[in-house]
Amino acid sequence: MISIFIKTLIVYVILVGVMRILGKRQLGELELSELITTILLSEIASMPITNQDASLIDAFISIATITLLEVGFSILISKFPKIKNTLASSPSVLIYDGVINQAQMIKNRISPEELLSELRLKNITDPAHVKYAIIEPNGMVSVIPKPQYQQPTLEDLKISTDNSGIAHIIISQGTWNEHNIKSLNMKKSDFTEYLKRKRTNVKDIFLLTIDDSGEKRLVKKK
């Protein structure tokens, strides 16, 4: 039992490290080689846990080999575009200027029902309203409406607005977020006066954020 626990812990740590090396991708965004790599890693990683006779060292060597191959392959195709065009899949245009490319639909094994479903997910009800619909190498469909069917921007409407950016967590559940404070080139003392004005202590704060414009938001614990 202890042996299984130790093996599981080691495999978990190794896989976390490997996935950090390979980068952050959601499953639906994986290209073919990345999907194969993920499947192989999961299969190899499970062997020492489910099979007591399987060697942990052998599993580690296999995981390291696959990781090096994937990283090496990524570096290779990024440095040599011609190789990427040969080995990696490329985008395919499914709709251009409202006209469905039936040949590409058949080539990519996409039915009309699937295409219309993808368009509806982008709030488009008619293929005639589409300038481009492109199936990307990761299998996702990018849709660009014709100009007359695109949502107007604030610039189009001549509306000016302040860019407040995103909210950065400073205090979460009574604990300072040291990483965010440092990345913002700030110090805890920069918030001391603000906390005094709010008559509260760090331990009584559920959430304190600050956006890129300097606006602070405070939520006290209940």
Protein backbone atom coordinates (compact mmCIF):
# COMPACT_ATOMS: atom_id res chain seq x y z
CA MET A 1 0.00 0.00 0.00
CA ILE A 2 2.82 2.40 0.89
CA SER A 3 4.57 1.44 -2.34
CA ILE A 4 1.51 2.37 -4.41
CA PHE A 5 1.19 5.69 -2.56
CA ILE A 6 4.84 6.56 -3.18
CA LYS A 7 4.65 5.56 -6.85
CA THR A 8 1.47 7.59 -7.35
CA LEU A 9 3.02 10.63 -5.68
CA ILE A 10 6.18 10.41 -7.80
CA VAL A 11 4.22 9.95 -11.05
CA TYR A 12 1.95 12.87 -10.15
CA VAL A 13 4.90 15.20 -9.51
CA ILE A 14 6.57 14.10 -12.76
CA LEU A 15 3.41 14.66 -14.82
CA VAL A 16 2.78 18.09 -13.31
CA GLY A 17 6.33 19.06 -14.26
CA VAL A 18 5.95 17.64 -17.76
CA MET A 19 2.66 19.44 -18.41
CA ARG A 20 4.19 22.72 -17.27
CA ILE A 21 7.02 22.16 -19.75
CA LEU A 22 4.63 21.37 -22.58
CA GLY A 23 2.57 24.51 -21.85
CA LYS A 24 -1.02 25.41 -21.02
CA ARG A 25 -3.55 24.03 -23.46
CA GLN A 26 -7.13 22.95 -23.08
CA LEU A 27 -7.98 19.52 -24.46
CA GLY A 28 -10.06 21.00 -27.29
CA GLU A 29 -7.11 23.17 -28.35
CA LEU A 30 -4.58 20.35 -28.74
CA GLU A 31 -3.14 19.59 -32.15
CA LEU A 32 -2.79 15.98 -33.29
CA SER A 33 0.76 15.42 -32.04
CA GLU A 34 -0.09 17.05 -28.69
CA LEU A 35 -3.19 14.88 -28.28
CA ILE A 36 -1.18 11.72 -29.02
CA THR A 37 1.47 12.85 -26.53
CA THR A 38 -1.16 13.43 -23.84
CA ILE A 39 -2.71 9.99 -24.40
CA LEU A 40 0.67 8.26 -24.32
CA LEU A 41 1.71 10.08 -21.15
CA SER A 42 -1.49 9.09 -19.36
CA GLU A 43 -1.09 5.44 -20.39
CA ILE A 44 2.59 5.23 -19.41
CA ALA A 45 2.04 7.09 -16.14
CA SER A 46 -0.67 4.64 -15.08
CA MET A 47 1.50 1.55 -15.60
CA PRO A 48 3.61 1.71 -12.40
CA ILE A 49 0.44 2.38 -10.37
CA THR A 50 -1.81 -0.35 -11.77
CA ASN A 51 0.94 -2.92 -12.37
CA GLN A 52 3.20 -3.67 -9.43
CA ASP A 53 5.74 -5.37 -11.73
CA ALA A 54 6.15 -2.26 -13.87
CA SER A 55 9.33 -0.29 -13.20
CA LEU A 56 9.04 3.33 -12.14
CA ILE A 57 12.39 4.06 -13.80
CA ASP A 58 11.19 2.64 -17.13
CA ALA A 59 8.06 4.81 -16.94
CA PHE A 60 10.16 7.89 -16.16
CA ILE A 61 12.47 7.21 -19.12
CA SER A 62 9.48 6.77 -21.44
CA ILE A 63 7.84 9.99 -20.18
CA ALA A 64 11.11 11.91 -20.55
CA THR A 65 11.60 10.56 -24.08
CA ILE A 66 8.10 11.53 -25.21
CA THR A 67 8.46 14.98 -23.62
CA LEU A 68 11.79 15.60 -25.37
CA LEU A 69 10.34 14.45 -28.69
CA GLU A 70 7.31 16.76 -28.35
CA VAL A 71 9.40 19.76 -27.29
CA GLY A 72 11.99 19.05 -29.99
CA PHE A 73 9.27 18.67 -32.61
CA SER A 74 7.70 21.99 -31.57
CA ILE A 75 11.06 23.78 -31.75
CA LEU A 76 11.83 22.20 -35.12
CA ILE A 77 8.60 23.22 -36.83
CA SER A 78 8.79 26.73 -35.34
CA LYS A 79 12.27 27.27 -36.82
CA PHE A 80 11.55 25.63 -40.17
CA PRO A 81 8.10 26.64 -41.50
CA LYS A 82 8.42 24.33 -44.52
CA ILE A 83 8.62 21.33 -42.21
CA LYS A 84 5.59 22.61 -40.31
CA ASN A 85 3.60 22.87 -43.52
CA THR A 86 4.56 19.29 -44.37
CA LEU A 87 4.10 17.60 -40.98
CA ALA A 88 1.51 19.74 -39.22
CA SER A 89 -2.06 20.31 -40.28
CA SER A 90 -3.01 23.68 -41.74
CA PRO A 91 -6.20 25.78 -41.53
CA SER A 92 -8.96 25.10 -44.05
CA VAL A 93 -11.51 27.65 -45.26
CA LEU A 94 -15.02 26.24 -44.93
CA ILE A 95 -16.90 29.41 -45.87
CA TYR A 96 -15.71 32.39 -47.89
CA ASP A 97 -17.90 35.42 -48.49
CA GLY A 98 -21.05 33.50 -47.61
CA VAL A 99 -20.29 30.54 -49.92
CA ILE A 100 -19.75 27.11 -48.36
CA ASN A 101 -16.70 25.24 -49.65
CA GLN A 102 -18.18 21.78 -50.04
CA ALA A 103 -14.84 20.18 -51.00
CA GLN A 104 -13.25 21.32 -47.75
CA MET A 105 -16.30 20.19 -45.82
CA ILE A 106 -15.92 16.68 -47.24
CA LYS A 107 -12.13 16.68 -46.78
CA ASN A 108 -12.46 17.63 -43.10
CA ARG A 109 -15.45 15.30 -42.59
CA ILE A 110 -17.72 18.10 -41.35
CA SER A 111 -21.44 17.76 -41.94
CA PRO A 112 -23.71 20.74 -42.72
CA GLU A 113 -25.37 20.20 -39.32
CA GLU A 114 -22.02 20.50 -37.53
CA LEU A 115 -21.11 23.63 -39.46
CA LEU A 116 -24.42 25.33 -38.65
CA SER A 117 -23.99 24.33 -35.01
CA GLU A 118 -20.58 26.01 -34.93
CA LEU A 119 -22.07 29.15 -36.47
CA ARG A 120 -24.89 29.25 -33.91
CA LEU A 121 -22.31 29.06 -31.12
CA LYS A 122 -20.90 32.28 -32.60
CA ASN A 123 -24.39 33.86 -32.67
CA ILE A 124 -24.65 33.53 -36.45
CA THR A 125 -27.80 32.00 -37.92
CA ASP A 126 -27.08 32.19 -41.65
CA PRO A 127 -23.90 31.11 -43.53
CA ALA A 128 -24.57 33.99 -45.95
CA HIS A 129 -23.62 36.37 -43.12
CA VAL A 130 -20.12 34.89 -42.85
CA LYS A 131 -17.01 36.36 -44.46
CA TYR A 132 -14.70 33.58 -43.30
CA ALA A 133 -15.25 30.31 -41.46
CA ILE A 134 -11.95 28.51 -40.92
CA ILE A 135 -11.26 25.19 -39.26
CA GLU A 136 -8.01 25.60 -37.33
CA PRO A 137 -5.31 22.92 -36.85
CA ASN A 138 -6.67 22.25 -33.33
CA GLY A 139 -10.13 21.46 -34.70
CA MET A 140 -11.78 24.70 -33.55
CA VAL A 141 -13.79 26.73 -36.07
CA SER A 142 -13.01 30.45 -36.30
CA VAL A 143 -15.85 32.58 -37.69
CA ILE A 144 -15.53 36.13 -38.99
CA PRO A 145 -18.87 37.75 -39.94
CA LYS A 146 -19.24 40.13 -42.84
CA PRO A 147 -18.76 43.76 -41.76
CA GLN A 148 -22.49 44.58 -41.88
CA TYR A 149 -23.22 41.72 -39.47
CA GLN A 150 -20.46 42.40 -36.96
CA GLN A 151 -21.21 43.84 -33.53
CA PRO A 152 -20.38 47.56 -33.38
CA THR A 153 -17.44 48.56 -31.21
CA LEU A 154 -17.28 51.56 -28.86
CA GLU A 155 -15.07 53.23 -31.45
CA ASP A 156 -17.75 52.73 -34.10
CA LEU A 157 -20.31 54.29 -31.77
CA LYS A 158 -17.94 57.18 -30.93
CA ILE A 159 -18.06 56.31 -27.23
CA SER A 160 -14.98 56.94 -25.13
CA THR A 161 -14.23 54.89 -22.05
CA ASP A 162 -11.46 54.46 -19.52
CA ASN A 163 -9.38 51.31 -19.82
CA SER A 164 -9.46 49.86 -16.32
CA GLY A 165 -7.78 46.63 -17.41
CA ILE A 166 -8.21 43.60 -15.16
CA ALA A 167 -8.67 43.23 -11.42
CA HIS A 168 -5.57 42.02 -9.58
CA ILE A 169 -6.07 40.21 -6.27
CA ILE A 170 -4.21 41.91 -3.42
CA ILE A 171 -5.82 40.19 -0.44
CA SER A 172 -7.75 36.92 -0.60
CA GLN A 173 -9.46 35.47 2.48
CA GLY A 174 -7.28 37.41 4.88
CA THR A 175 -3.97 36.67 3.11
CA TRP A 176 -1.76 39.00 1.10
CA ASN A 177 -1.09 37.96 -2.50
CA GLU A 178 2.66 38.54 -2.52
CA HIS A 179 3.04 37.60 -6.19
CA ASN A 180 0.54 40.17 -7.49
CA ILE A 181 1.85 42.93 -5.23
CA LYS A 182 5.37 42.34 -6.51
CA SER A 183 4.31 42.10 -10.18
CA LEU A 184 2.52 45.46 -9.83
CA ASN A 185 5.69 47.02 -8.39
CA MET A 186 3.78 47.87 -5.22
CA LYS A 187 4.18 47.26 -1.49
CA LYS A 188 1.81 46.30 1.28
CA SER A 189 2.30 49.77 2.70
CA ASP A 190 0.64 51.19 -0.44
CA PHE A 191 -2.65 49.79 0.86
CA THR A 192 -2.25 50.65 4.54
CA GLU A 193 -3.95 54.05 4.33
CA TYR A 194 -6.79 52.58 2.26
CA LEU A 195 -7.42 49.89 4.89
CA LYS A 196 -7.40 52.51 7.62
CA ARG A 197 -10.03 54.56 5.79
CA LYS A 198 -12.16 51.46 5.46
CA ARG A 199 -11.60 50.72 9.17
CA THR A 200 -10.70 47.11 8.53
CA ASN A 201 -7.86 44.65 9.04
CA VAL A 202 -6.32 42.22 6.61
CA LYS A 203 -7.75 39.21 8.45
CA ASP A 204 -11.30 40.63 8.06
CA ILE A 205 -11.06 40.96 4.26
CA PHE A 206 -12.53 38.35 1.97
CA LEU A 207 -11.27 40.00 -1.24
CA LEU A 208 -9.35 43.15 -2.11
CA THR A 209 -8.52 43.91 -5.74
CA ILE A 210 -7.01 46.76 -7.70
CA ASP A 211 -7.37 47.29 -11.45
CA ASP A 212 -4.93 48.85 -13.91
CA SER A 213 -6.45 52.30 -13.39
CA GLY A 214 -5.84 52.08 -9.62
CA GLU A 215 -9.47 51.49 -8.65
CA LYS A 216 -9.77 49.32 -5.51
CA ARG A 217 -12.61 46.97 -4.64
CA LEU A 218 -13.09 45.61 -1.13
CA VAL A 219 -15.28 42.74 0.05
CA LYS A 220 -15.34 42.02 3.78
CA LYS A 221 -15.81 38.60 5.30
CA LYS A 222 -19.30 37.75 6.49
